[in-house]
N, C-alpha and C. Protein backbone atom coordinates (compact mmCIF):
# COMPACT_ATOMS: atom_id res chain seq x y z
N UNK A 1 23.83 -16.70 -31.13
CA UNK A 1 23.30 -17.82 -29.98
C UNK A 1 23.83 -17.39 -28.75
N UNK A 2 25.25 -17.21 -28.68
CA UNK A 2 25.55 -17.15 -27.14
C UNK A 2 24.82 -15.98 -26.25
N UNK A 3 24.95 -15.03 -27.15
CA UNK A 3 23.95 -13.71 -26.38
C UNK A 3 22.80 -14.19 -25.89
N UNK A 4 22.22 -14.99 -26.44
CA UNK A 4 20.77 -15.33 -26.11
C UNK A 4 20.77 -16.41 -24.88
N UNK A 5 21.72 -17.31 -24.87
CA UNK A 5 21.75 -18.00 -23.92
C UNK A 5 22.25 -17.15 -22.71
N UNK A 6 23.22 -15.63 -22.64
CA UNK A 6 23.42 -15.53 -21.49
C UNK A 6 22.24 -14.40 -21.08
N UNK A 7 21.51 -13.89 -22.22
CA UNK A 7 20.33 -13.11 -21.47
C UNK A 7 19.11 -14.27 -21.05
N UNK A 8 19.12 -15.28 -21.37
CA UNK A 8 18.18 -16.29 -20.94
C UNK A 8 18.81 -16.83 -19.20
N UNK A 9 20.19 -16.86 -19.05
CA UNK A 9 20.68 -17.21 -17.89
C UNK A 9 20.57 -15.80 -16.90
N UNK A 10 20.36 -14.69 -17.59
CA UNK A 10 20.37 -13.55 -16.72
C UNK A 10 18.93 -13.51 -16.15
N UNK A 11 17.90 -13.61 -17.08
CA UNK A 11 16.50 -13.64 -16.99
C UNK A 11 16.32 -14.65 -15.79
N UNK A 12 16.69 -15.78 -15.85
CA UNK A 12 16.56 -17.01 -14.95
C UNK A 12 16.99 -16.48 -13.41
N UNK A 13 17.96 -15.82 -13.37
CA UNK A 13 18.79 -15.41 -12.21
C UNK A 13 17.83 -14.15 -11.68
N UNK A 14 17.24 -13.31 -12.41
CA UNK A 14 16.37 -11.90 -12.12
C UNK A 14 15.10 -12.86 -11.52
N UNK A 15 14.59 -13.75 -11.99
CA UNK A 15 13.32 -14.58 -11.44
C UNK A 15 13.53 -14.99 -10.08
N UNK A 16 14.73 -15.80 -10.08
CA UNK A 16 15.37 -16.60 -8.83
C UNK A 16 15.31 -15.56 -7.55
N UNK A 17 15.92 -14.51 -7.93
CA UNK A 17 16.05 -13.22 -7.00
C UNK A 17 14.84 -12.79 -6.61
N UNK A 18 13.71 -12.75 -7.63
CA UNK A 18 12.49 -12.24 -7.23
C UNK A 18 11.79 -13.07 -6.40
N UNK A 19 11.88 -14.35 -6.61
CA UNK A 19 11.28 -15.82 -5.70
C UNK A 19 11.72 -15.47 -4.48
N UNK A 20 12.99 -15.48 -4.33
CA UNK A 20 13.70 -15.25 -2.88
C UNK A 20 13.24 -14.38 -1.95
N UNK A 21 12.92 -13.01 -2.81
CA UNK A 21 12.49 -11.96 -2.10
C UNK A 21 11.25 -11.79 -1.77
N UNK A 22 10.27 -12.44 -2.87
CA UNK A 22 8.81 -12.74 -2.29
C UNK A 22 8.62 -13.55 -1.01
N UNK A 23 9.71 -14.53 -1.00
CA UNK A 23 9.62 -15.43 0.08
C UNK A 23 10.15 -14.78 1.28
N UNK A 24 11.09 -14.00 1.33
CA UNK A 24 11.40 -13.32 2.48
C UNK A 24 10.22 -12.30 2.96
N UNK A 25 9.59 -11.68 1.86
CA UNK A 25 8.80 -10.53 2.80
C UNK A 25 7.68 -11.54 3.15
N UNK A 26 7.13 -12.83 2.37
CA UNK A 26 6.43 -13.69 3.19
C UNK A 26 6.43 -13.88 4.76
N UNK A 27 7.65 -14.32 4.88
CA UNK A 27 7.97 -14.91 5.93
C UNK A 27 7.88 -13.41 7.11
N UNK A 28 8.36 -12.37 6.52
CA UNK A 28 8.41 -11.00 7.62
C UNK A 28 6.81 -10.80 7.82
N UNK A 29 6.05 -11.07 7.05
CA UNK A 29 4.60 -10.65 6.76
C UNK A 29 3.97 -11.43 8.22
N UNK A 30 3.88 -12.77 7.47
CA UNK A 30 3.82 -13.70 8.63
C UNK A 30 4.00 -13.93 10.19
N UNK A 31 5.45 -13.60 10.49
CA UNK A 31 5.86 -13.15 11.90
C UNK A 31 5.42 -12.08 12.32
N UNK A 32 4.93 -10.65 11.60
CA UNK A 32 4.58 -9.73 11.97
C UNK A 32 3.09 -9.74 12.40
N UNK A 33 2.06 -10.84 11.40
CA UNK A 33 1.36 -11.12 12.02
C UNK A 33 1.06 -12.07 13.14
N UNK A 34 1.84 -12.93 13.32
CA UNK A 34 1.73 -13.78 14.53
C UNK A 34 1.82 -12.72 16.02
N UNK A 35 2.59 -11.77 15.82
CA UNK A 35 3.00 -11.01 16.83
C UNK A 35 1.64 -10.29 17.36
N UNK A 36 1.00 -9.60 16.18
CA UNK A 36 -0.01 -8.76 16.48
C UNK A 36 -1.19 -9.47 16.85
N UNK A 37 -1.27 -10.84 16.51
CA UNK A 37 -2.49 -11.86 17.17
C UNK A 37 -2.22 -12.18 18.68
N UNK A 38 -0.63 -12.24 19.22
CA UNK A 38 -0.30 -12.58 20.43
C UNK A 38 -0.72 -11.21 21.27
N UNK A 39 -0.44 -9.76 20.35
CA UNK A 39 -0.76 -8.67 21.28
C UNK A 39 -2.37 -8.52 21.57
N UNK A 40 -3.23 -9.04 20.70
CA UNK A 40 -4.45 -8.84 20.61
C UNK A 40 -5.06 -9.96 21.61
N UNK A 41 -4.39 -11.08 21.73
CA UNK A 41 -4.84 -12.05 22.75
C UNK A 41 -4.65 -11.69 24.29
N UNK A 42 -3.66 -10.39 24.52
CA UNK A 42 -3.55 -10.05 25.96
C UNK A 42 -4.57 -9.00 25.94
N UNK A 43 -5.49 -8.74 25.39
CA UNK A 43 -6.62 -7.69 25.51
C UNK A 43 -7.79 -8.54 25.34
N UNK A 44 -7.81 -9.64 25.07
CA UNK A 44 -9.06 -10.85 25.10
C UNK A 44 -9.70 -11.04 26.41
N UNK A 45 -11.04 -10.79 27.08
CA UNK A 45 -11.44 -11.08 28.17
C UNK A 45 -11.52 -12.70 28.30
N UNK A 46 -11.28 -12.98 29.37
CA UNK A 46 -11.36 -14.21 29.82
C UNK A 46 -12.81 -14.88 30.16
N UNK A 47 -13.57 -14.17 30.84
CA UNK A 47 -15.18 -14.16 31.01
C UNK A 47 -15.85 -13.14 30.26
N UNK A 48 -16.83 -13.56 29.52
CA UNK A 48 -17.89 -12.63 29.00
C UNK A 48 -19.27 -12.92 29.24
N UNK A 49 -20.19 -11.88 29.68
CA UNK A 49 -21.59 -12.18 29.80
C UNK A 49 -22.36 -12.04 28.63
N UNK A 50 -23.08 -12.94 28.33
CA UNK A 50 -23.80 -13.23 27.31
C UNK A 50 -25.53 -12.57 27.61
N UNK A 51 -26.03 -12.10 26.81
CA UNK A 51 -27.50 -11.78 27.27
C UNK A 51 -28.32 -12.45 26.33
N UNK A 52 -28.80 -13.51 27.00
CA UNK A 52 -29.78 -14.31 25.70
C UNK A 52 -31.29 -13.97 25.94
N UNK A 53 -32.38 -14.08 25.23
CA UNK A 53 -33.42 -13.95 25.17
C UNK A 53 -33.90 -14.05 26.14
N UNK A 54 -33.98 -15.73 26.25
CA UNK A 54 -34.94 -16.28 27.05
C UNK A 54 -34.09 -16.82 28.26
N UNK A 55 -33.04 -16.99 28.55
CA UNK A 55 -32.17 -17.52 29.51
C UNK A 55 -31.62 -16.19 30.53
N UNK A 56 -31.48 -14.88 29.69
CA UNK A 56 -31.41 -13.85 30.60
C UNK A 56 -29.84 -13.98 30.38
N UNK A 57 -28.78 -13.61 31.52
CA UNK A 57 -27.59 -12.93 31.54
C UNK A 57 -26.63 -14.68 31.87
N UNK A 58 -26.04 -14.96 31.01
CA UNK A 58 -25.29 -16.17 31.10
C UNK A 58 -23.72 -16.00 31.05
N UNK A 59 -22.74 -16.19 32.29
CA UNK A 59 -21.32 -15.97 31.98
C UNK A 59 -20.64 -17.21 31.05
N UNK A 60 -19.64 -16.78 29.82
CA UNK A 60 -19.38 -17.74 29.13
C UNK A 60 -17.78 -17.55 29.17
N UNK A 61 -17.11 -18.74 29.25
CA UNK A 61 -15.31 -18.46 29.63
C UNK A 61 -14.85 -18.85 28.32
N UNK A 62 -13.84 -18.46 27.88
CA UNK A 62 -13.01 -18.05 26.70
C UNK A 62 -12.84 -19.74 26.44
N UNK A 63 -12.49 -20.39 27.18
CA UNK A 63 -12.42 -21.86 27.11
C UNK A 63 -13.42 -22.59 26.40
N UNK A 64 -14.67 -22.35 27.01
CA UNK A 64 -15.83 -22.99 26.53
C UNK A 64 -16.01 -22.42 24.65
N UNK A 65 -15.77 -21.49 24.50
CA UNK A 65 -15.91 -20.89 23.28
C UNK A 65 -14.45 -21.30 22.07
N UNK A 66 -13.44 -21.79 22.66
CA UNK A 66 -12.34 -21.92 21.98
C UNK A 66 -12.41 -23.50 21.09
N UNK A 67 -13.19 -24.22 21.53
CA UNK A 67 -13.16 -25.42 21.10
C UNK A 67 -14.04 -25.62 19.82
N UNK A 68 -14.74 -24.54 19.72
CA UNK A 68 -15.98 -24.73 18.56
C UNK A 68 -15.05 -24.07 17.14
């Protein structure tokens, strides 16, 4: 019976290490995604021209679309 208890505690330790590694990978992935979004925002135009079928060309700022 003591061998079974040792194996069980070893399995618990391995599961905890896997969970910790998974959490670390999640944090790194989210950080990289946030950095990528910041870099993409640098390429975003502040003003765009929208061509509407009945109104013609209408300038739209990024501030007007960000609240929607």
